[in-house]
Amino acid sequence: MGAPSKSQQAYRWIKERIANQEFTPGYRLVLGTIAAELDMSVVPVREAVRQLEAEGLVTFERNVGARVAMVDDSQYRYAMQAISIVESAATALAARNLTADDLLRARTVNDVMTAGLSRFDPRSFSALNQEFHHILYSKCANPRLREIVDAEWARLGHMRDSIFAFVPGRAAESVREHEQILDLIASAAPLNEIEQAVRRHRTGTLAAYLTHEHPDETLSLSAF
């Protein structure tokens, strides 16, 4: 067999980085940058991306370009449905155990998230988002609930690190909702109000993603 063509080289190079999660879901594939990295023209890179798109590993969107696709958005949907229920309960049960220092830590994290909106990086935003919520539910006295929440986030794997790449507009809403949740906790609001606020917050991100990825579907999250 002869040497692989340039488009085959580009295809293997990109696919390998998707497989090892260097290029995570939502990662934008800049053809010119990849071509320069591989010392070839953009043409074979474009051919490689088209092949990856046909395999479902890459999506192409007008005015956005090529991005790494979600591996399995049903996995994200089911995990987020579970998280929205369990994490909201864990946060409500933790609310009375959170100290002023805990709330200050959470507000500081949210302030960093807010400051980063102008130079938005989905992966760092998602990491800070996880830190924020972990502060709030980690004081839950029920260890089983904490374990379930942690397990569901672990199930999502690298998808949790880049979901805001798909719905960057959701980030500004998210930090505002964080403030509302913190205000409810700080004011010792009824636990059911805190639980409902966290659930609305989590289902809001899920709804934004599903609307973006499946705009023709009729979405309803009220069933759970």
Protein backbone atom coordinates (compact mmCIF):
# COMPACT_ATOMS: atom_id res chain seq x y z
CA MET A 1 0.00 0.00 0.00
CA GLY A 2 1.17 3.50 -0.77
CA ALA A 3 1.64 6.31 1.67
CA PRO A 4 -1.60 7.87 2.97
CA SER A 5 -2.83 10.94 1.15
CA LYS A 6 -2.73 14.31 2.85
CA SER A 7 -6.46 14.20 3.50
CA GLN A 8 -6.01 10.77 5.13
CA GLN A 9 -3.17 12.14 7.26
CA ALA A 10 -5.34 15.06 8.36
CA TYR A 11 -8.26 12.72 9.04
CA ARG A 12 -6.17 10.45 11.26
CA TRP A 13 -4.55 13.40 13.05
CA ILE A 14 -7.88 15.04 13.92
CA LYS A 15 -9.62 11.76 14.79
CA GLU A 16 -6.79 10.78 17.14
CA ARG A 17 -7.15 14.07 19.04
CA ILE A 18 -10.89 13.61 19.32
CA ALA A 19 -10.38 10.07 20.64
CA ASN A 20 -7.87 11.11 23.31
CA GLN A 21 -10.09 14.09 24.28
CA GLU A 22 -7.55 16.73 23.33
CA PHE A 23 -10.31 18.01 21.06
CA THR A 24 -13.39 17.84 23.29
CA PRO A 25 -17.08 18.18 22.30
CA GLY A 26 -17.73 21.68 21.07
CA TYR A 27 -14.07 22.31 20.22
CA ARG A 28 -13.86 24.53 17.13
CA LEU A 29 -11.74 23.06 14.34
CA VAL A 30 -9.98 25.97 12.65
CA LEU A 31 -8.98 24.56 9.28
CA GLY A 32 -6.18 27.05 8.64
CA THR A 33 -4.59 26.35 12.01
CA ILE A 34 -4.73 22.59 11.48
CA ALA A 35 -3.32 22.95 7.97
CA ALA A 36 -0.40 24.98 9.30
CA GLU A 37 0.22 22.41 12.04
CA LEU A 38 0.34 19.63 9.44
CA ASP A 39 2.26 21.70 6.88
CA MET A 40 -0.34 21.28 4.15
CA SER A 41 -2.98 23.36 2.40
CA VAL A 42 -6.50 23.78 3.73
CA VAL A 43 -7.99 21.62 0.96
CA PRO A 44 -7.04 18.17 2.37
CA VAL A 45 -7.99 19.32 5.87
CA ARG A 46 -11.43 20.32 4.59
CA GLU A 47 -11.79 16.89 2.97
CA ALA A 48 -10.84 15.23 6.26
CA VAL A 49 -13.39 17.29 8.17
CA ARG A 50 -16.10 16.34 5.67
CA GLN A 51 -15.30 12.66 6.24
CA LEU A 52 -15.45 13.14 10.01
CA GLU A 53 -18.76 14.96 9.59
CA ALA A 54 -20.13 11.99 7.64
CA GLU A 55 -19.12 9.74 10.55
CA GLY A 56 -20.89 11.98 13.05
CA LEU A 57 -17.73 13.05 14.87
CA VAL A 58 -17.83 16.61 13.59
CA THR A 59 -20.68 19.03 12.96
CA PHE A 60 -20.67 22.00 10.62
CA GLU A 61 -22.75 25.08 11.30
CA ARG A 62 -23.13 28.15 9.12
CA ASN A 63 -21.23 31.16 10.47
CA VAL A 64 -19.63 28.97 13.13
CA GLY A 65 -17.69 26.38 11.17
CA ALA A 66 -16.62 22.88 12.12
CA ARG A 67 -16.79 21.67 15.71
CA VAL A 68 -16.32 18.37 17.48
CA ALA A 69 -19.77 16.86 17.96
CA MET A 70 -21.24 15.56 21.16
CA VAL A 71 -20.40 11.87 21.40
CA ASP A 72 -23.87 10.93 22.64
CA ASP A 73 -26.27 13.69 23.54
CA SER A 74 -28.79 11.20 24.95
CA GLN A 75 -26.21 10.40 27.63
CA TYR A 76 -26.04 14.09 28.50
CA ARG A 77 -29.82 14.39 28.50
CA TYR A 78 -30.40 11.47 30.87
CA ALA A 79 -27.56 12.40 33.21
CA MET A 80 -28.70 16.03 33.43
CA GLN A 81 -32.28 14.96 34.12
CA ALA A 82 -31.01 12.86 37.03
CA ILE A 83 -28.66 15.59 38.24
CA SER A 84 -31.38 18.24 38.17
CA ILE A 85 -33.41 16.17 40.61
CA VAL A 86 -30.72 14.80 42.90
CA GLU A 87 -28.40 17.81 43.05
CA SER A 88 -31.26 20.18 43.77
CA ALA A 89 -32.33 17.98 46.70
CA ALA A 90 -28.75 17.70 47.97
CA THR A 91 -28.27 21.48 47.77
CA ALA A 92 -31.49 22.14 49.67
CA LEU A 93 -30.50 19.66 52.38
CA ALA A 94 -27.05 21.28 52.60
CA ALA A 95 -28.36 24.84 52.75
CA ARG A 96 -28.66 25.12 56.53
CA ASN A 97 -25.16 23.66 56.98
CA LEU A 98 -23.43 26.20 54.75
CA THR A 99 -21.40 28.81 56.64
CA ALA A 100 -20.79 32.42 55.75
CA ASP A 101 -17.34 31.37 54.54
CA ASP A 102 -18.89 28.72 52.27
CA LEU A 103 -21.20 31.29 50.70
CA LEU A 104 -18.34 33.73 50.31
CA ARG A 105 -16.30 31.06 48.50
CA ALA A 106 -19.23 30.34 46.19
CA ARG A 107 -19.78 34.05 45.48
CA THR A 108 -16.08 34.48 44.73
CA VAL A 109 -16.18 31.61 42.23
CA ASN A 110 -19.27 33.10 40.61
CA ASP A 111 -17.57 36.52 40.43
CA VAL A 112 -14.66 34.91 38.55
CA MET A 113 -17.15 33.27 36.18
CA THR A 114 -18.86 36.61 35.59
CA ALA A 115 -15.55 38.37 34.94
CA GLY A 116 -14.65 35.70 32.39
CA LEU A 117 -17.75 36.20 30.26
CA SER A 118 -16.00 38.87 28.17
CA ARG A 119 -13.22 36.45 27.20
CA PHE A 120 -15.34 33.34 27.35
CA ASP A 121 -13.61 29.96 27.60
CA PRO A 122 -16.13 27.10 27.83
CA ARG A 123 -13.86 24.61 29.57
CA SER A 124 -12.69 26.93 32.34
CA PHE A 125 -16.23 28.25 32.79
CA SER A 126 -17.55 24.71 33.16
CA ALA A 127 -14.83 23.83 35.68
CA LEU A 128 -15.71 26.88 37.77
CA ASN A 129 -19.39 26.00 37.43
CA GLN A 130 -18.70 22.55 38.89
CA GLU A 131 -16.71 24.09 41.72
CA PHE A 132 -19.55 26.49 42.52
CA HIS A 133 -22.18 23.78 42.74
CA HIS A 134 -19.92 21.39 44.63
CA ILE A 135 -19.48 24.01 47.36
CA LEU A 136 -23.26 24.20 47.73
CA TYR A 137 -24.12 20.50 47.84
CA SER A 138 -20.99 19.17 49.59
CA LYS A 139 -22.43 19.98 53.03
CA CYS A 140 -25.44 17.72 52.43
CA ALA A 141 -25.73 15.41 55.44
CA ASN A 142 -26.90 12.50 53.28
CA PRO A 143 -23.74 10.86 51.91
CA ARG A 144 -25.71 8.73 49.47
CA LEU A 145 -27.10 11.82 47.74
CA ARG A 146 -23.62 13.30 47.43
CA GLU A 147 -22.32 10.04 45.97
CA ILE A 148 -25.11 9.92 43.39
CA VAL A 149 -24.49 13.52 42.27
CA ASP A 150 -20.74 12.91 41.98
CA ALA A 151 -21.34 9.65 40.10
CA GLU A 152 -23.64 11.30 37.57
CA TRP A 153 -21.13 14.07 36.89
CA ALA A 154 -18.41 11.44 36.49
CA ARG A 155 -20.65 9.56 34.04
CA LEU A 156 -20.68 12.61 31.78
CA GLY A 157 -16.89 12.51 31.58
CA HIS A 158 -15.40 15.13 29.30
CA MET A 159 -18.82 16.26 28.06
CA ARG A 160 -19.31 18.26 31.26
CA ASP A 161 -16.14 20.22 30.51
CA SER A 162 -17.36 21.74 27.28
CA ILE A 163 -21.16 21.91 27.24
CA PHE A 164 -21.08 25.73 27.28
CA ALA A 165 -19.24 25.62 23.95
CA PHE A 166 -22.59 24.62 22.47
CA VAL A 167 -24.66 27.22 24.31
CA PRO A 168 -22.33 30.12 25.25
CA GLY A 169 -25.31 32.45 25.56
CA ARG A 170 -26.50 30.38 28.50
CA ALA A 171 -23.41 31.35 30.54
CA ALA A 172 -24.60 34.87 31.42
CA GLU A 173 -27.99 33.53 32.52
CA SER A 174 -26.23 30.88 34.57
CA VAL A 175 -24.20 33.28 36.69
CA ARG A 176 -27.29 35.40 37.36
CA GLU A 177 -29.16 32.31 38.52
CA HIS A 178 -26.21 31.44 40.78
CA GLU A 179 -26.67 34.79 42.52
CA GLN A 180 -30.36 34.09 43.01
CA ILE A 181 -29.61 30.68 44.54
CA LEU A 182 -27.03 32.19 46.89
CA ASP A 183 -29.47 34.90 47.95
CA LEU A 184 -32.10 32.26 48.77
CA ILE A 185 -29.62 30.27 50.86
CA ALA A 186 -28.27 33.36 52.64
CA SER A 187 -31.78 34.53 53.54
CA ALA A 188 -32.73 31.08 54.91
CA ALA A 189 -35.52 30.70 52.36
CA PRO A 190 -37.74 27.62 52.62
CA LEU A 191 -35.85 24.54 51.48
CA ASN A 192 -38.40 23.73 48.79
CA GLU A 193 -37.78 27.16 47.21
CA ILE A 194 -34.03 26.52 47.17
CA GLU A 195 -34.57 23.08 45.66
CA GLN A 196 -36.86 24.44 42.96
CA ALA A 197 -34.41 27.23 42.08
CA VAL A 198 -31.53 24.77 41.63
CA ARG A 199 -33.71 22.45 39.56
CA ARG A 200 -34.84 25.30 37.28
CA HIS A 201 -31.21 26.31 36.91
CA ARG A 202 -30.04 22.84 35.89
CA THR A 203 -32.96 22.17 33.55
CA GLY A 204 -32.38 25.59 31.96
CA THR A 205 -28.94 24.54 30.76
CA LEU A 206 -30.28 21.21 29.51
CA ALA A 207 -33.15 22.93 27.68
CA ALA A 208 -30.76 25.42 26.07
CA TYR A 209 -28.57 22.59 24.79
CA LEU A 210 -31.47 20.50 23.48
CA THR A 211 -33.03 23.51 21.76
CA HIS A 212 -29.69 24.28 20.10
CA GLU A 213 -28.98 20.73 18.97
CA HIS A 214 -32.56 19.70 18.12
CA PRO A 215 -34.38 22.91 17.16
CA ASP A 216 -37.13 21.04 15.30
CA GLU A 217 -38.10 18.88 18.27
CA THR A 218 -40.82 19.82 20.72
CA LEU A 219 -39.05 19.80 24.06
CA SER A 220 -40.69 19.25 27.41
CA LEU A 221 -38.80 18.86 30.64
CA SER A 222 -41.85 19.09 32.87
CA ALA A 223 -42.20 15.31 33.03
CA PHE A 224 -39.55 15.07 35.68
